C-alpha atoms as a PDB file:
ATOM      1  CA  MET A   1       0.000   0.000   0.000  1.00  0.00           C
ATOM      2  CA  THR A   2       1.263   3.478  -0.776  1.00  0.00           C
ATOM      3  CA  GLN A   3       1.181   6.042   2.007  1.00  0.00           C
ATOM      4  CA  LEU A   4      -1.743   7.810   0.297  1.00  0.00           C
ATOM      5  CA  ASP A   5      -3.675   4.561  -0.151  1.00  0.00           C
ATOM      6  CA  ARG A   6      -3.085   3.673   3.481  1.00  0.00           C
ATOM      7  CA  ARG A   7      -4.363   7.035   4.681  1.00  0.00           C
ATOM      8  CA  SER A   8      -7.450   6.754   2.489  1.00  0.00           C
ATOM      9  CA  PHE A   9      -8.153   3.251   3.781  1.00  0.00           C
ATOM     10  CA  LEU A  10      -7.812   4.298   7.426  1.00  0.00           C
ATOM     11  CA  THR A  11     -10.053   7.323   6.885  1.00  0.00           C
ATOM     12  CA  LEU A  12     -12.735   5.191   5.212  1.00  0.00           C
ATOM     13  CA  SER A  13     -12.497   2.542   7.914  1.00  0.00           C
ATOM     14  CA  ALA A  14     -13.010   5.132  10.632  1.00  0.00           C
ATOM     15  CA  MET A  15     -16.097   6.484   8.874  1.00  0.00           C
ATOM     16  CA  LEU A  16     -17.845   3.170   8.243  1.00  0.00           C
ATOM     17  CA  PRO A  17     -19.339   2.595  11.722  1.00  0.00           C
ATOM     18  CA  TYR A  18     -20.939   6.055  11.629  1.00  0.00           C
ATOM     19  CA  ALA A  19     -22.283   5.461   8.140  1.00  0.00           C
ATOM     20  CA  PHE A  20     -23.949   2.207   9.172  1.00  0.00           C
ATOM     21  CA  THR A  21     -25.333   3.825  12.328  1.00  0.00           C
ATOM     22  CA  ALA A  22     -26.877   6.625  10.306  1.00  0.00           C
ATOM     23  CA  ARG A  23     -28.482   4.201   7.858  1.00  0.00           C
ATOM     24  CA  ALA A  24     -29.901   2.132  10.695  1.00  0.00           C
ATOM     25  CA  GLY A  25     -31.252   5.238  12.377  1.00  0.00           C
ATOM     26  CA  ASP A  26     -32.915   6.521   9.221  1.00  0.00           C
ATOM     27  CA  SER A  27     -34.618   3.242   8.398  1.00  0.00           C
ATOM     28  CA  LYS A  28     -35.407   1.597  11.705  1.00  0.00           C
ATOM     29  CA  ILE A  29     -36.099   4.168  14.421  1.00  0.00           C
ATOM     30  CA  PRO A  30     -39.821   4.994  14.408  1.00  0.00           C
ATOM     31  CA  VAL A  31     -41.166   8.464  15.042  1.00  0.00           C
ATOM     32  CA  GLY A  32     -44.304   8.961  17.096  1.00  0.00           C
ATOM     33  CA  LEU A  33     -46.442  11.604  18.736  1.00  0.00           C
ATOM     34  CA  GLU A  34     -46.912  12.327  22.430  1.00  0.00           C
ATOM     35  CA  LEU A  35     -50.692  12.644  22.386  1.00  0.00           C
ATOM     36  CA  TYR A  36     -50.644  15.552  24.828  1.00  0.00           C
ATOM     37  CA  SER A  37     -49.878  17.490  21.643  1.00  0.00           C
ATOM     38  CA  VAL A  38     -53.469  16.859  20.479  1.00  0.00           C
ATOM     39  CA  ARG A  39     -55.063  16.778  23.915  1.00  0.00           C
ATOM     40  CA  GLU A  40     -58.210  18.758  23.048  1.00  0.00           C
ATOM     41  CA  GLU A  41     -58.886  16.558  20.025  1.00  0.00           C
ATOM     42  CA  LEU A  42     -58.224  13.471  22.133  1.00  0.00           C
ATOM     43  CA  LYS A  43     -60.780  14.570  24.718  1.00  0.00           C
ATOM     44  CA  LYS A  44     -63.444  14.918  22.029  1.00  0.00           C
ATOM     45  CA  ASP A  45     -62.806  11.635  20.202  1.00  0.00           C
ATOM     46  CA  PRO A  46     -59.801   9.453  21.108  1.00  0.00           C
ATOM     47  CA  GLU A  47     -60.305   6.940  18.293  1.00  0.00           C
ATOM     48  CA  ALA A  48     -60.738   9.567  15.558  1.00  0.00           C
ATOM     49  CA  THR A  49     -57.671  11.423  16.830  1.00  0.00           C
ATOM     50  CA  VAL A  50     -55.503   8.314  16.728  1.00  0.00           C
ATOM     51  CA  ARG A  51     -56.734   7.585  13.195  1.00  0.00           C
ATOM     52  CA  ALA A  52     -55.843  11.127  12.114  1.00  0.00           C
ATOM     53  CA  VAL A  53     -52.376  10.845  13.641  1.00  0.00           C
ATOM     54  CA  ALA A  54     -51.786   7.502  11.912  1.00  0.00           C
ATOM     55  CA  LYS A  55     -52.918   8.952   8.580  1.00  0.00           C
ATOM     56  CA  MET A  56     -50.243  11.660   8.893  1.00  0.00           C
ATOM     57  CA  GLY A  57     -47.597   8.938   9.009  1.00  0.00           C
ATOM     58  CA  TYR A  58     -46.816   8.671  12.703  1.00  0.00           C
ATOM     59  CA  GLN A  59     -45.589   5.166  13.534  1.00  0.00           C
ATOM     60  CA  CYS A  60     -46.223   5.205  17.275  1.00  0.00           C
ATOM     61  CA  VAL A  61     -48.033   7.188  19.951  1.00  0.00           C
ATOM     62  CA  GLU A  62     -47.563   7.862  23.632  1.00  0.00           C
ATOM     63  CA  PHE A  63     -50.721   8.189  25.718  1.00  0.00           C
ATOM     64  CA  TYR A  64     -50.573  10.562  28.666  1.00  0.00           C
ATOM     65  CA  ALA A  65     -52.074  10.245  32.157  1.00  0.00           C
ATOM     66  CA  PRO A  66     -55.853  10.246  31.365  1.00  0.00           C
ATOM     67  CA  TYR A  67     -55.426   6.844  29.671  1.00  0.00           C
ATOM     68  CA  PHE A  68     -55.574   5.445  33.208  1.00  0.00           C
ATOM     69  CA  GLU A  69     -59.243   6.449  33.506  1.00  0.00           C
ATOM     70  CA  ARG A  70     -60.387   4.348  30.556  1.00  0.00           C
ATOM     71  CA  THR A  71     -62.017   0.989  31.212  1.00  0.00           C
ATOM     72  CA  ASP A  72     -60.390  -2.326  30.403  1.00  0.00           C
ATOM     73  CA  ALA A  73     -62.783  -2.738  27.478  1.00  0.00           C
ATOM     74  CA  GLN A  74     -61.952   0.704  26.105  1.00  0.00           C
ATOM     75  CA  THR A  75     -58.245  -0.053  26.431  1.00  0.00           C
ATOM     76  CA  LYS A  76     -58.636  -3.322  24.536  1.00  0.00           C
ATOM     77  CA  ASP A  77     -60.584  -1.535  21.804  1.00  0.00           C
ATOM     78  CA  MET A  78     -57.827   1.073  21.529  1.00  0.00           C
ATOM     79  CA  ARG A  79     -55.199  -1.656  21.213  1.00  0.00           C
ATOM     80  CA  GLN A  80     -57.239  -3.247  18.436  1.00  0.00           C
ATOM     81  CA  LEU A  81     -57.443   0.094  16.657  1.00  0.00           C
ATOM     82  CA  LEU A  82     -53.691   0.582  16.967  1.00  0.00           C
ATOM     83  CA  ASP A  83     -53.088  -2.876  15.553  1.00  0.00           C
ATOM     84  CA  ASP A  84     -55.473  -2.221  12.669  1.00  0.00           C
ATOM     85  CA  LEU A  85     -53.657   1.026  11.873  1.00  0.00           C
ATOM     86  CA  GLY A  86     -50.185  -0.495  12.214  1.00  0.00           C
ATOM     87  CA  VAL A  87     -49.305   1.975  14.999  1.00  0.00           C
ATOM     88  CA  ARG A  88     -47.438   1.028  18.182  1.00  0.00           C
ATOM     89  CA  CYS A  89     -47.712   2.380  21.704  1.00  0.00           C
ATOM     90  CA  PHE A  90     -44.264   1.860  23.185  1.00  0.00           C
ATOM     91  CA  SER A  91     -44.860   3.929  26.319  1.00  0.00           C
ATOM     92  CA  THR A  92     -47.327   5.914  28.390  1.00  0.00           C
ATOM     93  CA  HIS A  93     -46.953   8.981  30.587  1.00  0.00           C
ATOM     94  CA  ASN A  94     -48.026   8.450  34.168  1.00  0.00           C
ATOM     95  CA  ASP A  95     -48.554  10.286  37.440  1.00  0.00           C
ATOM     96  CA  LEU A  96     -46.077   9.158  40.065  1.00  0.00           C
ATOM     97  CA  ASP A  97     -48.863   7.701  42.208  1.00  0.00           C
ATOM     98  CA  TYR A  98     -49.717   5.233  39.425  1.00  0.00           C
ATOM     99  CA  LEU A  99     -46.737   3.321  40.836  1.00  0.00           C
ATOM    100  CA  ASP A 100     -48.245   3.162  44.342  1.00  0.00           C
ATOM    101  CA  PRO A 101     -48.999  -0.345  45.662  1.00  0.00           C
ATOM    102  CA  ASP A 102     -52.759   0.117  45.252  1.00  0.00           C
ATOM    103  CA  LYS A 103     -52.450   1.182  41.585  1.00  0.00           C
ATOM    104  CA  ILE A 104     -49.365  -0.451  40.135  1.00  0.00           C
ATOM    105  CA  ASN A 105     -51.067  -3.690  39.075  1.00  0.00           C
ATOM    106  CA  ARG A 106     -53.675  -1.777  37.091  1.00  0.00           C
ATOM    107  CA  THR A 107     -50.949   0.402  35.591  1.00  0.00           C
ATOM    108  CA  ARG A 108     -49.099  -2.739  34.525  1.00  0.00           C
ATOM    109  CA  ASP A 109     -52.177  -4.416  33.067  1.00  0.00           C
ATOM    110  CA  LEU A 110     -53.320  -1.378  31.072  1.00  0.00           C
ATOM    111  CA  ASN A 111     -49.840  -0.927  29.632  1.00  0.00           C
ATOM    112  CA  LEU A 112     -49.537  -4.587  28.719  1.00  0.00           C
ATOM    113  CA  THR A 113     -52.880  -4.369  26.937  1.00  0.00           C
ATOM    114  CA  LEU A 114     -51.655  -1.367  24.952  1.00  0.00           C
ATOM    115  CA  GLY A 115     -48.464  -3.229  24.081  1.00  0.00           C
ATOM    116  CA  CYS A 116     -46.158  -0.886  25.991  1.00  0.00           C
ATOM    117  CA  LYS A 117     -42.538  -1.532  26.849  1.00  0.00           C
ATOM    118  CA  TYR A 118     -42.084   1.477  29.117  1.00  0.00           C
ATOM    119  CA  ILE A 119     -44.104   3.132  31.870  1.00  0.00           C
ATOM    120  CA  ILE A 120     -42.781   6.685  32.105  1.00  0.00           C
ATOM    121  CA  VAL A 121     -43.402   8.955  35.073  1.00  0.00           C
ATOM    122  CA  ALA A 122     -44.291  12.318  33.527  1.00  0.00           C
ATOM    123  CA  SER A 123     -43.196  14.522  36.437  1.00  0.00           C
ATOM    124  CA  ALA A 124     -42.851  14.663  40.198  1.00  0.00           C
ATOM    125  CA  GLU A 125     -43.162  17.203  42.993  1.00  0.00           C
ATOM    126  CA  PRO A 126     -40.289  16.377  45.326  1.00  0.00           C
ATOM    127  CA  LYS A 127     -40.225  17.161  48.999  1.00  0.00           C
ATOM    128  CA  PRO A 128     -38.185  20.193  50.063  1.00  0.00           C
ATOM    129  CA  GLY A 129     -34.673  19.726  51.369  1.00  0.00           C
ATOM    130  CA  PRO A 130     -31.467  18.067  50.126  1.00  0.00           C
ATOM    131  CA  ASP A 131     -33.026  14.585  50.041  1.00  0.00           C
ATOM    132  CA  GLY A 132     -36.279  15.678  48.406  1.00  0.00           C
ATOM    133  CA  TRP A 133     -35.778  13.547  45.300  1.00  0.00           C
ATOM    134  CA  LYS A 134     -34.962  10.393  47.246  1.00  0.00           C
ATOM    135  CA  PRO A 135     -38.613   9.225  47.512  1.00  0.00           C
ATOM    136  CA  VAL A 136     -38.949   9.660  43.743  1.00  0.00           C
ATOM    137  CA  ALA A 137     -35.850   7.538  43.079  1.00  0.00           C
ATOM    138  CA  ASP A 138     -37.047   4.950  45.613  1.00  0.00           C
ATOM    139  CA  ALA A 139     -40.470   4.751  43.935  1.00  0.00           C
ATOM    140  CA  LEU A 140     -38.883   4.239  40.517  1.00  0.00           C
ATOM    141  CA  ASN A 141     -36.597   1.494  41.814  1.00  0.00           C
ATOM    142  CA  ALA A 142     -39.409  -0.304  43.616  1.00  0.00           C
ATOM    143  CA  ALA A 143     -41.620  -0.127  40.526  1.00  0.00           C
ATOM    144  CA  ALA A 144     -38.802  -1.392  38.320  1.00  0.00           C
ATOM    145  CA  GLU A 145     -38.378  -4.439  40.537  1.00  0.00           C
ATOM    146  CA  LYS A 146     -42.118  -5.083  40.510  1.00  0.00           C
ATOM    147  CA  LEU A 147     -42.741  -4.556  36.780  1.00  0.00           C
ATOM    148  CA  GLU A 148     -39.685  -5.955  35.022  1.00  0.00           C
ATOM    149  CA  PRO A 149     -40.734  -9.614  35.507  1.00  0.00           C
ATOM    150  CA  ALA A 150     -43.793  -8.731  33.384  1.00  0.00           C
ATOM    151  CA  GLY A 151     -41.543  -7.373  30.631  1.00  0.00           C
ATOM    152  CA  VAL A 152     -42.240  -3.692  31.331  1.00  0.00           C
ATOM    153  CA  LYS A 153     -39.633  -1.126  32.341  1.00  0.00           C
ATOM    154  CA  VAL A 154     -39.991   2.150  34.218  1.00  0.00           C
ATOM    155  CA  GLY A 155     -38.731   5.572  33.237  1.00  0.00           C
ATOM    156  CA  TYR A 156     -38.739   9.250  34.166  1.00  0.00           C
ATOM    157  CA  HIS A 157     -39.424  12.285  31.971  1.00  0.00           C
ATOM    158  CA  ASN A 158     -37.703  15.564  32.784  1.00  0.00           C
ATOM    159  CA  HIS A 159     -39.094  19.075  32.873  1.00  0.00           C
ATOM    160  CA  GLU A 160     -37.162  22.280  33.576  1.00  0.00           C
ATOM    161  CA  PRO A 161     -36.772  21.803  37.371  1.00  0.00           C
ATOM    162  CA  GLU A 162     -34.815  18.581  36.895  1.00  0.00           C
ATOM    163  CA  PHE A 163     -32.113  20.578  35.101  1.00  0.00           C
ATOM    164  CA  ARG A 164     -31.931  23.452  37.566  1.00  0.00           C
ATOM    165  CA  ALA A 165     -29.202  22.962  40.178  1.00  0.00           C
ATOM    166  CA  ARG A 166     -30.197  22.225  43.756  1.00  0.00           C
ATOM    167  CA  ASN A 167     -27.403  21.952  46.328  1.00  0.00           C
ATOM    168  CA  GLY A 168     -24.872  21.976  43.512  1.00  0.00           C
ATOM    169  CA  LYS A 169     -26.400  19.137  41.485  1.00  0.00           C
ATOM    170  CA  PHE A 170     -29.131  18.682  38.896  1.00  0.00           C
ATOM    171  CA  PRO A 171     -32.076  16.667  40.219  1.00  0.00           C
ATOM    172  CA  ALA A 172     -31.909  14.804  36.898  1.00  0.00           C
ATOM    173  CA  GLN A 173     -28.391  13.698  37.790  1.00  0.00           C
ATOM    174  CA  TYR A 174     -29.523  12.634  41.253  1.00  0.00           C
ATOM    175  CA  LEU A 175     -32.211  10.436  39.716  1.00  0.00           C
ATOM    176  CA  ALA A 176     -29.738   8.968  37.232  1.00  0.00           C
ATOM    177  CA  GLU A 177     -27.267   8.108  39.985  1.00  0.00           C
ATOM    178  CA  HIS A 178     -29.830   6.736  42.451  1.00  0.00           C
ATOM    179  CA  THR A 179     -31.914   4.545  40.163  1.00  0.00           C
ATOM    180  CA  THR A 180     -31.115   1.178  38.688  1.00  0.00           C
ATOM    181  CA  PRO A 181     -29.624   1.407  35.173  1.00  0.00           C
ATOM    182  CA  SER A 182     -32.777  -0.190  33.778  1.00  0.00           C
ATOM    183  CA  VAL A 183     -34.768   2.966  34.650  1.00  0.00           C
ATOM    184  CA  VAL A 184     -35.133   4.945  31.426  1.00  0.00           C
ATOM    185  CA  LEU A 185     -34.207   8.632  31.310  1.00  0.00           C
ATOM    186  CA  GLN A 186     -36.699   9.949  28.766  1.00  0.00           C
ATOM    187  CA  LEU A 187     -35.267  13.246  27.555  1.00  0.00           C
ATOM    188  CA  ASP A 188     -37.500  16.246  26.895  1.00  0.00           C
ATOM    189  CA  VAL A 189     -35.226  18.326  24.689  1.00  0.00           C
ATOM    190  CA  GLY A 190     -37.160  21.586  24.947  1.00  0.00           C
ATOM    191  CA  THR A 191     -37.350  21.737  28.721  1.00  0.00           C
ATOM    192  CA  CYS A 192     -33.696  20.718  28.999  1.00  0.00           C
ATOM    193  CA  ILE A 193     -32.645  23.640  26.792  1.00  0.00           C
ATOM    194  CA  ALA A 194     -35.050  26.071  28.486  1.00  0.00           C
ATOM    195  CA  ALA A 195     -33.359  25.273  31.810  1.00  0.00           C
ATOM    196  CA  GLY A 196     -29.957  26.118  30.324  1.00  0.00           C
ATOM    197  CA  ALA A 197     -28.648  22.540  30.106  1.00  0.00           C
ATOM    198  CA  ASP A 198     -26.937  20.796  27.175  1.00  0.00           C
ATOM    199  CA  PRO A 199     -29.007  17.879  25.815  1.00  0.00           C
ATOM    200  CA  VAL A 200     -26.115  16.464  23.776  1.00  0.00           C
ATOM    201  CA  ALA A 201     -23.813  16.337  26.809  1.00  0.00           C
ATOM    202  CA  TRP A 202     -26.614  14.773  28.887  1.00  0.00           C
ATOM    203  CA  ILE A 203     -27.170  12.011  26.331  1.00  0.00           C
ATOM    204  CA  ARG A 204     -23.474  11.248  26.024  1.00  0.00           C
ATOM    205  CA  SER A 205     -23.009  11.062  29.784  1.00  0.00           C
ATOM    206  CA  HIS A 206     -25.824   8.489  30.167  1.00  0.00           C
ATOM    207  CA  PRO A 207     -25.205   5.902  27.452  1.00  0.00           C
ATOM    208  CA  GLY A 208     -27.944   3.382  26.843  1.00  0.00           C
ATOM    209  CA  ARG A 209     -30.536   5.058  29.074  1.00  0.00           C
ATOM    210  CA  ILE A 210     -32.160   7.444  26.573  1.00  0.00           C
ATOM    211  CA  LYS A 211     -34.582   4.929  25.059  1.00  0.00           C
ATOM    212  CA  SER A 212     -36.988   7.638  23.904  1.00  0.00           C
ATOM    213  CA  MET A 213     -36.948  11.380  23.440  1.00  0.00           C
ATOM    214  CA  HIS A 214     -39.516  14.151  23.261  1.00  0.00           C
ATOM    215  CA  CYS A 215     -38.537  16.233  20.255  1.00  0.00           C
ATOM    216  CA  LYS A 216     -39.880  19.571  21.419  1.00  0.00           C
ATOM    217  CA  ASP A 217     -38.177  22.806  20.459  1.00  0.00           C
ATOM    218  CA  TRP A 218     -37.779  25.984  22.490  1.00  0.00           C
ATOM    219  CA  SER A 219     -37.105  29.632  21.700  1.00  0.00           C
ATOM    220  CA  PRO A 220     -36.018  32.368  24.146  1.00  0.00           C
ATOM    221  CA  ILE A 221     -38.690  34.626  22.599  1.00  0.00           C
ATOM    222  CA  GLU A 222     -41.655  32.321  21.958  1.00  0.00           C
ATOM    223  CA  GLY A 223     -40.891  29.581  24.438  1.00  0.00           C
ATOM    224  CA  TYR A 224     -42.501  26.240  23.553  1.00  0.00           C
ATOM    225  CA  LYS A 225     -44.897  27.710  20.990  1.00  0.00           C
ATOM    226  CA  VAL A 226     -42.401  27.303  18.156  1.00  0.00           C
ATOM    227  CA  LEU A 227     -42.745  24.351  15.797  1.00  0.00           C
ATOM    228  CA  PHE A 228     -40.120  21.651  15.525  1.00  0.00           C
ATOM    229  CA  LYS A 229     -36.821  23.136  14.246  1.00  0.00           C
ATOM    230  CA  GLU A 230     -37.942  26.747  14.712  1.00  0.00           C
ATOM    231  CA  GLY A 231     -36.181  27.019  18.075  1.00  0.00           C
ATOM    232  CA  SER A 232     -32.728  26.656  19.606  1.00  0.00           C
ATOM    233  CA  ALA A 233     -32.234  22.883  19.668  1.00  0.00           C
ATOM    234  CA  PRO A 234     -29.176  21.544  17.765  1.00  0.00           C
ATOM    235  CA  TRP A 235     -31.115  18.651  16.242  1.00  0.00           C
ATOM    236  CA  LYS A 236     -28.341  17.229  14.073  1.00  0.00           C
ATOM    237  CA  GLU A 237     -26.055  16.798  17.073  1.00  0.00           C
ATOM    238  CA  ILE A 238     -28.906  15.530  19.254  1.00  0.00           C
ATOM    239  CA  PHE A 239     -29.882  12.849  16.723  1.00  0.00           C
ATOM    240  CA  ALA A 240     -26.265  11.744  16.352  1.00  0.00           C
ATOM    241  CA  ALA A 241     -25.744  11.410  20.101  1.00  0.00           C
ATOM    242  CA  ALA A 242     -29.073   9.667  20.706  1.00  0.00           C
ATOM    243  CA  GLU A 243     -28.519   7.076  17.994  1.00  0.00           C
ATOM    244  CA  SER A 244     -24.815   6.440  18.564  1.00  0.00           C
ATOM    245  CA  VAL A 245     -24.627   6.232  22.368  1.00  0.00           C
ATOM    246  CA  GLY A 246     -28.029   7.055  23.874  1.00  0.00           C
ATOM    247  CA  GLY A 247     -29.657   3.745  23.051  1.00  0.00           C
ATOM    248  CA  LEU A 248     -32.602   5.479  21.410  1.00  0.00           C
ATOM    249  CA  GLU A 249     -35.423   3.188  20.238  1.00  0.00           C
ATOM    250  CA  TYR A 250     -38.064   5.698  19.127  1.00  0.00           C
ATOM    251  CA  TYR A 251     -38.625   9.430  18.766  1.00  0.00           C
ATOM    252  CA  LEU A 252     -41.710  11.280  19.990  1.00  0.00           C
ATOM    253  CA  LEU A 253     -42.686  14.693  18.710  1.00  0.00           C
ATOM    254  CA  GLU A 254     -44.421  16.873  21.286  1.00  0.00           C
ATOM    255  CA  GLN A 255     -45.999  20.284  21.014  1.00  0.00           C
ATOM    256  CA  GLU A 256     -47.539  22.361  23.780  1.00  0.00           C
ATOM    257  CA  GLY A 257     -49.316  24.649  21.321  1.00  0.00           C
ATOM    258  CA  SER A 258     -48.566  26.775  18.269  1.00  0.00           C
ATOM    259  CA  ARG A 259     -50.081  29.240  15.827  1.00  0.00           C
ATOM    260  CA  TYR A 260     -51.835  26.328  14.091  1.00  0.00           C
ATOM    261  CA  SER A 261     -54.507  23.881  15.184  1.00  0.00           C
ATOM    262  CA  GLU A 262     -53.370  20.819  17.117  1.00  0.00           C
ATOM    263  CA  LEU A 263     -53.642  18.414  14.183  1.00  0.00           C
ATOM    264  CA  GLU A 264     -52.085  20.846  11.711  1.00  0.00           C
ATOM    265  CA  THR A 265     -49.240  21.415  14.165  1.00  0.00           C
ATOM    266  CA  ALA A 266     -48.650  17.671  14.484  1.00  0.00           C
ATOM    267  CA  LYS A 267     -48.648  17.292  10.703  1.00  0.00           C
ATOM    268  CA  ARG A 268     -46.198  20.144  10.100  1.00  0.00           C
ATOM    269  CA  CYS A 269     -43.832  18.961  12.825  1.00  0.00           C
ATOM    270  CA  LEU A 270     -43.704  15.446  11.381  1.00  0.00           C
ATOM    271  CA  GLU A 271     -43.000  16.743   7.885  1.00  0.00           C
ATOM    272  CA  THR A 272     -40.134  18.895   9.173  1.00  0.00           C
ATOM    273  CA  PHE A 273     -38.791  16.091  11.357  1.00  0.00           C
ATOM    274  CA  ARG A 274     -38.611  13.711   8.414  1.00  0.00           C
ATOM    275  CA  ALA A 275     -36.875  16.305   6.247  1.00  0.00           C
ATOM    276  CA  THR A 276     -34.434  17.148   9.038  1.00  0.00           C
ATOM    277  CA  HIS A 277     -33.661  13.599  10.107  1.00  0.00           C
ATOM    278  CA  ALA A 278     -33.169  12.393   6.528  1.00  0.00           C
END
């Protein structure tokens, strides 16, 4: 081999793993919608809303806390609808007390009916003081031990407070350090950025634990009202980190509101996501 040939070979060899990762990410990682984005439509007609979301091209959905109020029969009917549409429900958002001993079995059963892999706690209100987040971490660990034999894992979804320092440390970091590695750290990109934290650095420092991500943008002027890619998030770098080290299995677009209707917002965000991710 000439020196030039050798250099070219080494350069190509170094690039190949990233090329294969990118191809796998483009073709295999589904993109879904956190249904809080269409919450008013969902209240009016859950089945019609899910059909509309599927028609847009979303491959999965994430139900938020009111799913818990539906009957077993309604939950089975929703699972049948999802199957008919070819849409998956990989996770749900849950109140922390859904993991309490008197509710956890129902939480498990509803999620198994929907076909979920992950039960994500949407938020928590910790007790004041330096150990305020300890009961949250304890609840996640206890639920993980209870639910994993059934094939369901537990996770936690951050908001801004989890990335604001308390006693010199992010609460998000406390939860990461005090929960079993099987507890998923579902990243909300928008709230992470709004709190002044770096989502790329967070992903890279917690390899394998970012199984899903809320792709929500944020702007210092309009806050969360901007559409996907209209804000401050460095999406190219976020995608690369999530797919190379984060362990990401599916993306979820989320919108808290915009200048468009809920369904039009969901449609526009998906179109931009696909163009950006490709």
